[in-house]
Amino acid sequence: MIKTLIKLKILKFVLISGVSAAYAFKRYCDQKNEVKSKKDKKPPLLTR
């Protein structure tokens, strides 16, 4: 019974850490893409 509880706690820890790592990676990629898209957008040249 104690081994089962320990295994469940370890599994819970692994799942939570995996989800939080995926979320952090997603935020990092979104932030990187946002900076890249800002660099790609050049202001239009005014031709008058």
N, C-alpha and C. Protein backbone atom coordinates (compact mmCIF):
# COMPACT_ATOMS: atom_id res chain seq x y z
N MET A 1 0.83 -1.20 0.00
CA MET A 1 0.00 0.00 0.00
C MET A 1 0.87 1.26 0.00
N ILE A 2 1.92 1.26 0.80
CA ILE A 2 2.80 2.43 0.87
C ILE A 2 3.53 2.60 -0.46
N LYS A 3 3.95 1.50 -1.07
CA LYS A 3 4.62 1.58 -2.36
C LYS A 3 3.70 2.17 -3.42
N THR A 4 2.43 1.77 -3.35
CA THR A 4 1.46 2.30 -4.31
C THR A 4 1.28 3.80 -4.13
N LEU A 5 1.20 4.25 -2.89
CA LEU A 5 1.06 5.68 -2.62
C LEU A 5 2.27 6.46 -3.12
N ILE A 6 3.45 5.91 -2.89
CA ILE A 6 4.68 6.57 -3.35
C ILE A 6 4.69 6.64 -4.88
N LYS A 7 4.30 5.55 -5.53
CA LYS A 7 4.26 5.54 -7.00
C LYS A 7 3.26 6.57 -7.51
N LEU A 8 2.11 6.68 -6.85
CA LEU A 8 1.10 7.66 -7.28
C LEU A 8 1.61 9.09 -7.09
N LYS A 9 2.31 9.34 -5.98
CA LYS A 9 2.85 10.67 -5.74
C LYS A 9 3.92 11.02 -6.78
N ILE A 10 4.75 10.04 -7.11
CA ILE A 10 5.78 10.27 -8.13
C ILE A 10 5.12 10.52 -9.49
N LEU A 11 4.10 9.74 -9.82
CA LEU A 11 3.39 9.92 -11.08
C LEU A 11 2.74 11.29 -11.15
N LYS A 12 2.13 11.71 -10.05
CA LYS A 12 1.51 13.03 -9.98
C LYS A 12 2.56 14.12 -10.18
N PHE A 13 3.69 13.98 -9.54
CA PHE A 13 4.77 14.96 -9.68
C PHE A 13 5.26 15.03 -11.12
N VAL A 14 5.44 13.87 -11.74
CA VAL A 14 5.92 13.81 -13.13
C VAL A 14 4.91 14.47 -14.06
N LEU A 15 3.64 14.19 -13.87
CA LEU A 15 2.61 14.78 -14.74
C LEU A 15 2.55 16.29 -14.59
N ILE A 16 2.57 16.77 -13.35
CA ILE A 16 2.50 18.21 -13.11
C ILE A 16 3.74 18.91 -13.66
N SER A 17 4.90 18.33 -13.44
CA SER A 17 6.12 18.96 -13.95
C SER A 17 6.15 18.92 -15.48
N GLY A 18 5.66 17.87 -16.07
CA GLY A 18 5.60 17.78 -17.53
C GLY A 18 4.68 18.83 -18.13
N VAL A 19 3.53 19.01 -17.51
CA VAL A 19 2.58 20.01 -18.01
C VAL A 19 3.15 21.42 -17.84
N SER A 20 3.77 21.69 -16.70
CA SER A 20 4.33 23.02 -16.48
C SER A 20 5.51 23.28 -17.41
N ALA A 21 6.30 22.26 -17.70
CA ALA A 21 7.41 22.42 -18.64
C ALA A 21 6.88 22.69 -20.05
N ALA A 22 5.83 21.99 -20.45
CA ALA A 22 5.24 22.22 -21.76
C ALA A 22 4.67 23.63 -21.86
N TYR A 23 4.03 24.10 -20.79
CA TYR A 23 3.47 25.45 -20.79
C TYR A 23 4.57 26.50 -20.88
N ALA A 24 5.65 26.29 -20.13
CA ALA A 24 6.77 27.24 -20.17
C ALA A 24 7.40 27.25 -21.55
N PHE A 25 7.55 26.09 -22.17
CA PHE A 25 8.13 26.01 -23.51
C PHE A 25 7.23 26.71 -24.53
N LYS A 26 5.91 26.53 -24.38
CA LYS A 26 4.95 27.19 -25.28
C LYS A 26 5.04 28.70 -25.14
N ARG A 27 5.12 29.19 -23.92
CA ARG A 27 5.23 30.63 -23.72
C ARG A 27 6.53 31.16 -24.30
N TYR A 28 7.61 30.42 -24.16
CA TYR A 28 8.90 30.82 -24.71
C TYR A 28 8.82 30.91 -26.23
N CYS A 29 8.22 29.91 -26.85
CA CYS A 29 8.10 29.90 -28.31
C CYS A 29 7.19 31.02 -28.79
N ASP A 30 6.08 31.25 -28.09
CA ASP A 30 5.18 32.33 -28.47
C ASP A 30 5.87 33.68 -28.37
N GLN A 31 6.64 33.87 -27.32
CA GLN A 31 7.35 35.13 -27.13
C GLN A 31 8.40 35.30 -28.23
N LYS A 32 9.09 34.23 -28.58
CA LYS A 32 10.11 34.28 -29.62
C LYS A 32 9.46 34.59 -30.97
N ASN A 33 8.32 33.97 -31.26
CA ASN A 33 7.62 34.22 -32.52
C ASN A 33 7.09 35.64 -32.58
N GLU A 34 6.65 36.17 -31.45
CA GLU A 34 6.14 37.54 -31.42
C GLU A 34 7.25 38.54 -31.73
N VAL A 35 8.43 38.32 -31.17
CA VAL A 35 9.57 39.20 -31.44
C VAL A 35 9.95 39.09 -32.90
N LYS A 36 9.94 37.87 -33.43
CA LYS A 36 10.30 37.65 -34.83
C LYS A 36 9.29 38.34 -35.75
N SER A 37 8.00 38.26 -35.44
CA SER A 37 6.99 38.88 -36.29
C SER A 37 7.10 40.41 -36.23
N LYS A 38 7.50 40.95 -35.09
CA LYS A 38 7.69 42.39 -35.00
C LYS A 38 8.86 42.84 -35.87
N LYS A 39 9.91 42.01 -35.93
CA LYS A 39 11.07 42.35 -36.76
C LYS A 39 10.71 42.26 -38.24
N ASP A 40 9.86 41.30 -38.60
CA ASP A 40 9.49 41.12 -40.00
C ASP A 40 8.61 42.25 -40.51
N LYS A 41 7.80 42.83 -39.65
CA LYS A 41 6.92 43.91 -40.06
C LYS A 41 7.71 45.20 -40.16
N LYS A 42 7.89 45.66 -41.38
CA LYS A 42 8.61 46.91 -41.58
C LYS A 42 7.56 47.99 -41.85
N PRO A 43 7.77 49.19 -41.35
CA PRO A 43 6.80 50.25 -41.62
C PRO A 43 6.78 50.59 -43.11
N PRO A 44 5.61 50.86 -43.65
CA PRO A 44 5.53 51.18 -45.07
C PRO A 44 6.22 52.50 -45.37
N LEU A 45 6.84 52.56 -46.51
CA LEU A 45 7.53 53.77 -46.91
C LEU A 45 6.51 54.80 -47.41
N LEU A 46 6.66 56.01 -46.93
CA LEU A 46 5.76 57.08 -47.37
C LEU A 46 6.30 57.66 -48.67
N THR A 47 5.52 57.53 -49.72
CA THR A 47 5.95 58.07 -51.02
C THR A 47 5.01 59.20 -51.41
N ARG A 48 5.44 60.38 -51.18
CA ARG A 48 4.63 61.54 -51.57
C ARG A 48 5.42 62.44 -52.44
